[in-house]
Amino acid sequence: MASSSHSDPITTALQRAKTIAVVGLSDSPLRPSHGVSAYMQTQGYRVIPVNPQIHEALGEKSYRSLKDIPDKIDIVNIFRRPEFVEEVVDEAIALKVPVIWMQESVVHEKAAEKARKAGILVVMDRCILQEHRARLR
């Protein structure tokens, strides 16, 4: 896949990433987090569920929190209500995850600013599936 000279940070992040930790991933196929994550799997990404309520989703073991994941994480994709975002962002900063992605309607300016100050790319209030389709298909 040729990368354009006017590549933007989101395209670059999606091209470089291999592993996406999805905080709030549901094991129900009816939930948006499940559909979006299933799509990302079909595009070659490893999707790691982070949800203490489930044991697995999409064939992957679920973890209670980001810090419990033994593998390197390239993107943290957050499907949680805004009041839960700051804790997730703090964990991502501690783990030096390069990209934090907050899905549509997930907005937390204070947490986003904290992540940016730590050198993390923050994508907020956008769907990773839609952005992937628009940029890399």
Protein backbone atom coordinates (compact mmCIF):
# COMPACT_ATOMS: atom_id res chain seq x y z
CA MET A 1 0.00 0.00 0.00
CA ALA A 2 1.52 3.30 -1.05
CA SER A 3 1.59 5.97 1.60
CA SER A 4 0.87 9.48 0.45
CA SER A 5 3.31 12.30 1.01
CA HIS A 6 0.59 14.31 2.76
CA SER A 7 -0.10 11.47 5.19
CA ASP A 8 -1.76 12.57 8.40
CA PRO A 9 -1.11 11.26 11.93
CA ILE A 10 -4.29 9.13 11.97
CA THR A 11 -3.39 7.34 8.74
CA THR A 12 0.16 6.80 9.98
CA ALA A 13 -1.11 5.43 13.32
CA LEU A 14 -3.49 3.01 11.57
CA GLN A 15 -0.73 1.85 9.21
CA ARG A 16 1.79 1.25 12.00
CA ALA A 17 -0.51 -0.37 14.54
CA LYS A 18 -0.76 -4.11 14.94
CA THR A 19 -2.47 -4.47 18.32
CA ILE A 20 -5.55 -2.57 19.50
CA ALA A 21 -6.71 -2.86 23.10
CA VAL A 22 -10.45 -2.15 23.15
CA VAL A 23 -11.61 -0.89 26.54
CA GLY A 24 -15.30 -1.68 26.99
CA LEU A 25 -15.41 -4.31 24.24
CA SER A 26 -18.64 -6.28 24.59
CA ASP A 27 -19.05 -9.96 23.74
CA SER A 28 -22.51 -9.12 22.36
CA PRO A 29 -22.59 -8.88 18.55
CA LEU A 30 -25.35 -6.26 18.94
CA ARG A 31 -23.03 -3.71 20.58
CA PRO A 32 -21.12 -1.17 18.45
CA SER A 33 -17.83 -2.07 20.19
CA HIS A 34 -18.19 -5.66 18.98
CA GLY A 35 -18.96 -4.76 15.37
CA VAL A 36 -16.19 -2.18 15.14
CA SER A 37 -13.66 -4.55 16.71
CA ALA A 38 -14.70 -7.44 14.45
CA TYR A 39 -14.14 -5.19 11.43
CA MET A 40 -10.68 -4.19 12.69
CA GLN A 41 -9.84 -7.90 13.12
CA THR A 42 -10.79 -8.54 9.47
CA GLN A 43 -8.34 -5.77 8.53
CA GLY A 44 -5.45 -7.65 10.15
CA TYR A 45 -5.30 -6.04 13.59
CA ARG A 46 -5.09 -8.06 16.79
CA VAL A 47 -7.93 -6.89 19.02
CA ILE A 48 -7.52 -7.39 22.78
CA PRO A 49 -10.70 -6.98 24.86
CA VAL A 50 -10.44 -5.00 28.10
CA ASN A 51 -13.60 -5.67 30.06
CA PRO A 52 -13.74 -7.22 33.56
CA GLN A 53 -17.31 -8.43 32.90
CA ILE A 54 -16.38 -10.95 30.19
CA HIS A 55 -13.88 -13.79 29.74
CA GLU A 56 -13.36 -13.38 26.00
CA ALA A 57 -14.62 -11.69 22.86
CA LEU A 58 -13.86 -12.29 19.20
CA GLY A 59 -11.69 -15.27 20.09
CA GLU A 60 -9.35 -13.26 22.33
CA LYS A 61 -8.96 -13.46 26.11
CA SER A 62 -10.38 -10.43 27.90
CA TYR A 63 -8.34 -8.52 30.47
CA ARG A 64 -9.52 -6.56 33.51
CA SER A 65 -7.41 -3.52 32.68
CA LEU A 66 -4.74 -2.31 30.27
CA LYS A 67 -1.97 -3.00 32.79
CA ASP A 68 -2.92 -6.70 32.83
CA ILE A 69 -2.18 -7.14 29.11
CA PRO A 70 1.22 -8.83 28.66
CA ASP A 71 1.66 -7.69 25.04
CA LYS A 72 2.65 -4.37 23.48
CA ILE A 73 -0.35 -2.17 22.71
CA ASP A 74 -0.28 0.18 19.71
CA ILE A 75 -3.73 1.77 20.09
CA VAL A 76 -6.10 1.98 23.05
CA ASN A 77 -9.64 2.26 21.67
CA ILE A 78 -12.10 3.46 24.32
CA PHE A 79 -15.77 2.44 24.24
CA ARG A 80 -16.63 3.77 27.70
CA ARG A 81 -18.66 6.70 28.97
CA PRO A 82 -16.60 9.88 29.41
CA GLU A 83 -16.54 9.60 33.21
CA PHE A 84 -14.43 6.42 32.89
CA VAL A 85 -11.97 7.82 30.34
CA GLU A 86 -9.45 9.51 32.62
CA GLU A 87 -8.55 6.31 34.46
CA VAL A 88 -8.03 4.51 31.12
CA VAL A 89 -5.89 7.37 29.81
CA ASP A 90 -3.75 7.33 32.96
CA GLU A 91 -3.09 3.60 32.44
CA ALA A 92 -2.27 4.18 28.75
CA ILE A 93 0.19 6.95 29.68
CA ALA A 94 1.87 4.69 32.25
CA LEU A 95 2.22 1.98 29.57
CA LYS A 96 3.50 4.50 26.99
CA VAL A 97 0.85 3.52 24.45
CA PRO A 98 1.41 5.71 21.34
CA VAL A 99 -2.26 6.25 20.41
CA ILE A 100 -5.44 6.76 22.42
CA TRP A 101 -8.64 6.59 20.41
CA MET A 102 -11.97 7.68 21.90
CA GLN A 103 -14.94 6.45 19.90
CA GLU A 104 -17.81 8.64 18.73
CA SER A 105 -19.47 10.57 21.59
CA VAL A 106 -16.56 9.75 23.92
CA VAL A 107 -15.07 13.14 24.79
CA HIS A 108 -12.84 14.03 27.73
CA GLU A 109 -10.75 17.16 27.09
CA LYS A 110 -8.79 17.02 30.36
CA ALA A 111 -7.71 13.42 29.80
CA ALA A 112 -6.92 14.14 26.14
CA GLU A 113 -4.74 17.09 27.10
CA LYS A 114 -2.91 15.00 29.71
CA ALA A 115 -2.23 12.31 27.07
CA ARG A 116 -1.02 14.86 24.51
CA LYS A 117 1.39 16.32 27.08
CA ALA A 118 2.75 12.76 27.49
CA GLY A 119 3.43 12.63 23.74
CA ILE A 120 0.45 10.45 22.83
CA LEU A 121 -1.63 10.93 19.69
CA VAL A 122 -5.25 11.44 20.77
CA VAL A 123 -8.18 10.85 18.44
CA MET A 124 -11.45 11.86 20.06
CA ASP A 125 -15.12 11.51 19.10
CA ARG A 126 -14.36 9.52 15.92
CA CYS A 127 -15.07 5.95 14.89
CA ILE A 128 -11.93 3.91 14.16
CA LEU A 129 -13.86 1.75 11.65
CA GLN A 130 -15.06 4.78 9.68
CA GLU A 131 -11.62 6.40 9.74
CA HIS A 132 -9.97 3.15 8.62
CA ARG A 133 -12.44 2.73 5.75
CA ALA A 134 -11.99 6.33 4.64
CA ARG A 135 -8.20 6.23 4.74
CA LEU A 136 -6.98 2.70 4.06
CA ARG A 137 -9.46 0.90 1.84
